[in-house]
Amino acid sequence: MAAPAHYLDGPSRLTRGPESIMSDTSKTKTRRQLKQKSMGKKRKKALEKNGTTPKFPIHKDKND
């Protein structure tokens, strides 16, 4: 059994154009997922780069 003709055009849900109109619900869900994914990204990146504890002298030189 061959696939219907509209299946052969490719995934129309992933294309941008008049044939891929998203419902309000799916727009809201997508926006919420993107917000959830990006929350804290800058903070986590800064912690990864700079560390979580401040620099302080642990081993002092014998001359000090």
C-alpha atoms as a PDB file:
ATOM      1  CA  MET A   1       0.000   0.000   0.000  1.00  0.00           C
ATOM      2  CA  ALA A   2       1.479   3.328  -1.048  1.00  0.00           C
ATOM      3  CA  ALA A   3       1.562   6.371   1.203  1.00  0.00           C
ATOM      4  CA  PRO A   4      -0.948   9.147   0.519  1.00  0.00           C
ATOM      5  CA  ALA A   5       0.341  12.026  -1.578  1.00  0.00           C
ATOM      6  CA  HIS A   6       0.362  14.528   1.290  1.00  0.00           C
ATOM      7  CA  TYR A   7       2.830  12.320   3.216  1.00  0.00           C
ATOM      8  CA  LEU A   8       5.319  12.529   0.384  1.00  0.00           C
ATOM      9  CA  ASP A   9       5.616  16.314   0.620  1.00  0.00           C
ATOM     10  CA  GLY A  10       7.566  16.086   3.879  1.00  0.00           C
ATOM     11  CA  PRO A  11       6.758  17.101   7.423  1.00  0.00           C
ATOM     12  CA  SER A  12       4.561  20.163   6.978  1.00  0.00           C
ATOM     13  CA  ARG A  13       4.405  20.717  10.753  1.00  0.00           C
ATOM     14  CA  LEU A  14       8.094  21.608  10.806  1.00  0.00           C
ATOM     15  CA  THR A  15       8.003  24.071   7.932  1.00  0.00           C
ATOM     16  CA  ARG A  16       7.145  27.697   8.300  1.00  0.00           C
ATOM     17  CA  GLY A  17       4.423  28.948   6.094  1.00  0.00           C
ATOM     18  CA  PRO A  18       0.684  29.278   5.761  1.00  0.00           C
ATOM     19  CA  GLU A  19       0.206  25.496   5.762  1.00  0.00           C
ATOM     20  CA  SER A  20       1.722  25.109   9.255  1.00  0.00           C
ATOM     21  CA  ILE A  21      -0.538  27.160  11.494  1.00  0.00           C
ATOM     22  CA  MET A  22      -0.026  26.264  15.149  1.00  0.00           C
ATOM     23  CA  SER A  23      -2.900  26.268  17.604  1.00  0.00           C
ATOM     24  CA  ASP A  24      -2.857  28.682  20.510  1.00  0.00           C
ATOM     25  CA  THR A  25      -2.401  25.791  22.921  1.00  0.00           C
ATOM     26  CA  SER A  26       0.640  24.395  21.132  1.00  0.00           C
ATOM     27  CA  LYS A  27       2.158  27.893  20.890  1.00  0.00           C
ATOM     28  CA  THR A  28       1.731  28.331  24.644  1.00  0.00           C
ATOM     29  CA  LYS A  29       3.193  24.912  25.415  1.00  0.00           C
ATOM     30  CA  THR A  30       6.158  25.562  23.125  1.00  0.00           C
ATOM     31  CA  ARG A  31       6.831  28.955  24.695  1.00  0.00           C
ATOM     32  CA  ARG A  32       6.679  27.467  28.198  1.00  0.00           C
ATOM     33  CA  GLN A  33       9.060  24.659  27.238  1.00  0.00           C
ATOM     34  CA  LEU A  34      11.553  27.155  25.777  1.00  0.00           C
ATOM     35  CA  LYS A  35      11.368  29.338  28.885  1.00  0.00           C
ATOM     36  CA  GLN A  36      11.861  26.329  31.152  1.00  0.00           C
ATOM     37  CA  LYS A  37      14.818  25.184  29.105  1.00  0.00           C
ATOM     38  CA  SER A  38      16.568  28.555  29.155  1.00  0.00           C
ATOM     39  CA  MET A  39      15.902  29.464  32.799  1.00  0.00           C
ATOM     40  CA  GLY A  40      19.117  29.823  34.750  1.00  0.00           C
ATOM     41  CA  LYS A  41      21.337  29.316  31.716  1.00  0.00           C
ATOM     42  CA  LYS A  42      23.379  32.494  32.303  1.00  0.00           C
ATOM     43  CA  ARG A  43      23.710  31.816  36.022  1.00  0.00           C
ATOM     44  CA  LYS A  44      24.807  28.219  35.502  1.00  0.00           C
ATOM     45  CA  LYS A  45      27.301  29.255  32.838  1.00  0.00           C
ATOM     46  CA  ALA A  46      28.813  31.858  35.175  1.00  0.00           C
ATOM     47  CA  LEU A  47      29.080  29.310  37.990  1.00  0.00           C
ATOM     48  CA  GLU A  48      30.746  26.830  35.681  1.00  0.00           C
ATOM     49  CA  LYS A  49      33.210  29.440  34.470  1.00  0.00           C
ATOM     50  CA  ASN A  50      34.069  31.135  37.778  1.00  0.00           C
ATOM     51  CA  GLY A  51      33.363  28.435  40.333  1.00  0.00           C
ATOM     52  CA  THR A  52      31.062  28.535  43.330  1.00  0.00           C
ATOM     53  CA  THR A  53      33.460  29.631  46.071  1.00  0.00           C
ATOM     54  CA  PRO A  54      35.414  32.893  46.263  1.00  0.00           C
ATOM     55  CA  LYS A  55      39.190  32.837  46.040  1.00  0.00           C
ATOM     56  CA  PHE A  56      40.872  33.054  49.413  1.00  0.00           C
ATOM     57  CA  PRO A  57      44.344  32.099  50.626  1.00  0.00           C
ATOM     58  CA  ILE A  58      44.427  28.556  51.936  1.00  0.00           C
ATOM     59  CA  HIS A  59      48.156  27.998  51.995  1.00  0.00           C
ATOM     60  CA  LYS A  60      49.991  31.142  52.933  1.00  0.00           C
ATOM     61  CA  ASP A  61      53.650  31.605  52.083  1.00  0.00           C
ATOM     62  CA  LYS A  62      56.137  31.016  54.897  1.00  0.00           C
ATOM     63  CA  ASN A  63      57.417  34.577  54.507  1.00  0.00           C
ATOM     64  CA  ASP A  64      54.034  36.144  55.342  1.00  0.00           C
END
